[in-house]
N, C-alpha and C. Protein backbone atom coordinates (compact mmCIF):
# COMPACT_ATOMS: atom_id res chain seq x y z
N UNK A 1 0.85 -1.17 0.00
CA UNK A 1 0.00 0.00 0.00
C UNK A 1 0.90 1.24 0.00
N UNK A 2 0.68 2.10 -0.93
CA UNK A 2 1.54 3.28 -1.06
C UNK A 2 0.94 4.45 -0.27
N UNK A 3 1.74 5.48 -0.14
CA UNK A 3 1.31 6.67 0.60
C UNK A 3 0.14 7.36 -0.09
N UNK A 4 0.12 7.36 -1.40
CA UNK A 4 -1.00 8.00 -2.11
C UNK A 4 -2.30 7.25 -1.87
N UNK A 5 -2.24 5.92 -1.71
CA UNK A 5 -3.44 5.15 -1.38
C UNK A 5 -3.95 5.51 0.02
N UNK A 6 -3.03 5.66 0.96
CA UNK A 6 -3.42 6.02 2.32
C UNK A 6 -4.07 7.40 2.37
N UNK A 7 -3.44 8.35 1.71
CA UNK A 7 -3.97 9.72 1.71
C UNK A 7 -5.30 9.78 0.95
N UNK A 8 -5.41 9.02 -0.13
CA UNK A 8 -6.63 9.02 -0.92
C UNK A 8 -7.81 8.43 -0.20
N UNK A 9 -7.57 7.52 0.73
CA UNK A 9 -8.65 6.85 1.46
C UNK A 9 -9.01 7.55 2.77
N UNK A 10 -8.29 8.58 3.14
CA UNK A 10 -8.59 9.30 4.38
C UNK A 10 -9.83 10.16 4.20
N UNK A 11 -10.57 10.30 5.29
CA UNK A 11 -11.75 11.17 5.27
C UNK A 11 -11.31 12.57 5.69
N UNK A 12 -10.90 13.38 4.75
CA UNK A 12 -10.37 14.71 5.05
C UNK A 12 -11.47 15.73 5.30
N UNK A 13 -12.72 15.38 5.08
CA UNK A 13 -13.81 16.33 5.31
C UNK A 13 -14.03 16.58 6.80
N UNK A 14 -13.50 15.73 7.66
CA UNK A 14 -13.70 15.91 9.10
C UNK A 14 -12.85 17.06 9.65
N UNK A 15 -11.70 17.34 9.05
CA UNK A 15 -10.82 18.37 9.57
C UNK A 15 -11.42 19.78 9.48
N UNK A 16 -11.99 20.19 8.37
CA UNK A 16 -12.61 21.51 8.34
C UNK A 16 -13.80 21.62 9.30
N UNK A 17 -14.54 20.54 9.48
CA UNK A 17 -15.67 20.56 10.40
C UNK A 17 -15.18 20.72 11.84
N UNK A 18 -14.14 20.00 12.20
CA UNK A 18 -13.58 20.11 13.54
C UNK A 18 -13.01 21.51 13.77
N UNK A 19 -12.35 22.06 12.77
CA UNK A 19 -11.80 23.41 12.90
C UNK A 19 -12.91 24.43 13.08
N UNK A 20 -14.02 24.26 12.39
CA UNK A 20 -15.15 25.19 12.52
C UNK A 20 -15.77 25.09 13.91
N UNK A 21 -15.88 23.89 14.45
CA UNK A 21 -16.43 23.73 15.80
C UNK A 21 -15.52 24.39 16.83
N UNK A 22 -14.21 24.20 16.69
CA UNK A 22 -13.25 24.84 17.61
C UNK A 22 -13.33 26.35 17.49
N UNK A 23 -13.38 26.88 16.27
CA UNK A 23 -13.45 28.32 16.05
C UNK A 23 -14.71 28.90 16.68
N UNK A 24 -15.86 28.28 16.46
CA UNK A 24 -17.11 28.79 17.01
C UNK A 24 -17.09 28.73 18.53
N UNK A 25 -16.52 27.67 19.09
CA UNK A 25 -16.42 27.57 20.55
C UNK A 25 -15.57 28.68 21.14
N UNK A 26 -14.41 28.93 20.57
CA UNK A 26 -13.53 29.99 21.07
C UNK A 26 -14.18 31.36 20.87
N UNK A 27 -14.83 31.55 19.72
CA UNK A 27 -15.52 32.82 19.45
C UNK A 27 -16.60 33.07 20.48
N UNK A 28 -17.39 32.06 20.81
CA UNK A 28 -18.46 32.23 21.80
C UNK A 28 -17.90 32.50 23.19
N UNK A 29 -16.78 31.87 23.54
CA UNK A 29 -16.16 32.14 24.85
C UNK A 29 -15.67 33.58 24.94
N UNK A 30 -15.05 34.07 23.88
CA UNK A 30 -14.58 35.45 23.87
C UNK A 30 -15.76 36.41 23.90
N UNK A 31 -16.80 36.12 23.15
CA UNK A 31 -17.98 36.96 23.14
C UNK A 31 -18.63 37.02 24.52
N UNK A 32 -18.70 35.88 25.20
CA UNK A 32 -19.26 35.83 26.55
C UNK A 32 -18.43 36.70 27.51
N UNK A 33 -17.11 36.58 27.40
CA UNK A 33 -16.25 37.37 28.28
C UNK A 33 -16.42 38.87 28.03
N UNK A 34 -16.50 39.25 26.78
CA UNK A 34 -16.62 40.67 26.44
C UNK A 34 -17.97 41.22 26.89
N UNK A 35 -19.02 40.47 26.70
CA UNK A 35 -20.36 40.97 27.01
C UNK A 35 -20.64 40.94 28.51
N UNK A 36 -20.30 39.84 29.19
CA UNK A 36 -20.73 39.66 30.57
C UNK A 36 -19.66 39.88 31.62
N UNK A 37 -18.41 39.70 31.30
CA UNK A 37 -17.37 39.74 32.32
C UNK A 37 -16.48 40.98 32.28
N UNK A 38 -16.39 41.66 31.16
CA UNK A 38 -15.47 42.78 31.04
C UNK A 38 -16.06 44.03 31.69
N UNK A 39 -15.23 44.69 32.49
CA UNK A 39 -15.65 45.94 33.11
C UNK A 39 -15.56 47.07 32.10
N UNK A 40 -16.35 48.10 32.32
CA UNK A 40 -16.36 49.22 31.38
C UNK A 40 -15.02 49.93 31.33
N UNK A 41 -14.36 50.05 32.47
CA UNK A 41 -13.05 50.70 32.50
C UNK A 41 -12.02 49.90 31.69
N UNK A 42 -12.08 48.58 31.82
CA UNK A 42 -11.17 47.72 31.09
C UNK A 42 -11.40 47.82 29.58
N UNK A 43 -12.66 47.88 29.18
CA UNK A 43 -12.98 48.01 27.76
C UNK A 43 -12.54 49.38 27.23
N UNK A 44 -12.73 50.42 28.02
CA UNK A 44 -12.31 51.76 27.60
C UNK A 44 -10.79 51.83 27.46
N UNK A 45 -10.08 51.25 28.40
CA UNK A 45 -8.61 51.24 28.33
C UNK A 45 -8.12 50.46 27.11
N UNK A 46 -8.75 49.33 26.83
CA UNK A 46 -8.35 48.53 25.67
C UNK A 46 -8.66 49.27 24.37
N UNK A 47 -9.75 50.01 24.35
CA UNK A 47 -10.12 50.75 23.14
C UNK A 47 -9.16 51.90 22.87
N UNK A 48 -8.50 52.43 23.89
CA UNK A 48 -7.61 53.57 23.72
C UNK A 48 -6.17 53.16 23.38
N UNK A 49 -5.85 51.89 23.39
CA UNK A 49 -4.48 51.44 23.11
C UNK A 49 -3.98 51.93 21.75
N UNK A 50 -4.76 51.86 20.66
CA UNK A 50 -4.24 52.34 19.38
C UNK A 50 -4.00 53.85 19.33
N UNK A 51 -4.64 54.59 20.21
CA UNK A 51 -4.52 56.05 20.20
C UNK A 51 -3.36 56.56 21.05
N UNK A 52 -2.72 55.69 21.80
CA UNK A 52 -1.63 56.11 22.69
C UNK A 52 -0.39 56.49 21.89
N UNK A 53 0.23 57.60 22.27
CA UNK A 53 1.47 58.03 21.64
C UNK A 53 2.69 57.44 22.31
N UNK A 54 2.58 57.09 23.58
CA UNK A 54 3.73 56.58 24.32
C UNK A 54 4.00 55.13 23.95
N UNK A 55 5.25 54.74 24.14
CA UNK A 55 5.66 53.38 23.86
C UNK A 55 5.39 52.55 25.10
N UNK A 56 4.74 51.42 24.93
CA UNK A 56 4.43 50.54 26.04
C UNK A 56 5.59 49.59 26.22
N UNK A 57 6.15 49.56 27.44
CA UNK A 57 7.26 48.66 27.74
C UNK A 57 6.78 47.64 28.76
N UNK A 58 7.23 46.41 28.66
CA UNK A 58 6.82 45.38 29.62
C UNK A 58 7.44 45.64 30.97
N UNK A 59 6.75 45.24 32.01
CA UNK A 59 7.23 45.42 33.39
C UNK A 59 7.90 44.15 33.88
N UNK A 60 8.94 43.73 33.21
CA UNK A 60 9.68 42.54 33.63
C UNK A 60 11.11 42.93 33.95
N UNK A 61 11.76 42.12 34.75
CA UNK A 61 13.14 42.41 35.12
C UNK A 61 14.08 42.26 33.94
N UNK A 62 13.76 41.33 33.03
CA UNK A 62 14.65 41.14 31.87
C UNK A 62 14.62 42.37 30.97
N UNK A 63 13.48 43.03 30.88
CA UNK A 63 13.39 44.23 30.04
C UNK A 63 14.20 45.37 30.67
N UNK A 64 14.16 45.48 32.00
CA UNK A 64 14.92 46.55 32.64
C UNK A 64 16.43 46.30 32.54
N UNK A 65 16.85 45.04 32.56
CA UNK A 65 18.26 44.74 32.42
C UNK A 65 18.75 45.06 31.01
N UNK A 66 17.90 44.84 30.01
CA UNK A 66 18.29 45.11 28.64
C UNK A 66 18.42 46.63 28.39
N UNK A 67 17.59 47.43 29.03
CA UNK A 67 17.66 48.86 28.80
C UNK A 67 18.85 49.48 29.51
N UNK A 68 19.30 48.88 30.62
CA UNK A 68 20.44 49.40 31.35
C UNK A 68 21.73 49.11 30.63
N UNK A 69 21.82 47.93 30.02
CA UNK A 69 23.07 47.51 29.39
C UNK A 69 23.37 48.25 28.13
């Protein structure tokens, strides 16, 4: 049995269906979080990120060591 026979006999239609189910599940979880769990202040802060002129730097020790050196 060759590789082309194995690939030809596989049911590849299941992969797009599984991907769609995973996508819809993740989308619904994010939608639930945004609608029911997110505070208004948090949403306002997230909405203003593209408008900020300042550079956002991470608050980690490795970042501070890199800027000092």
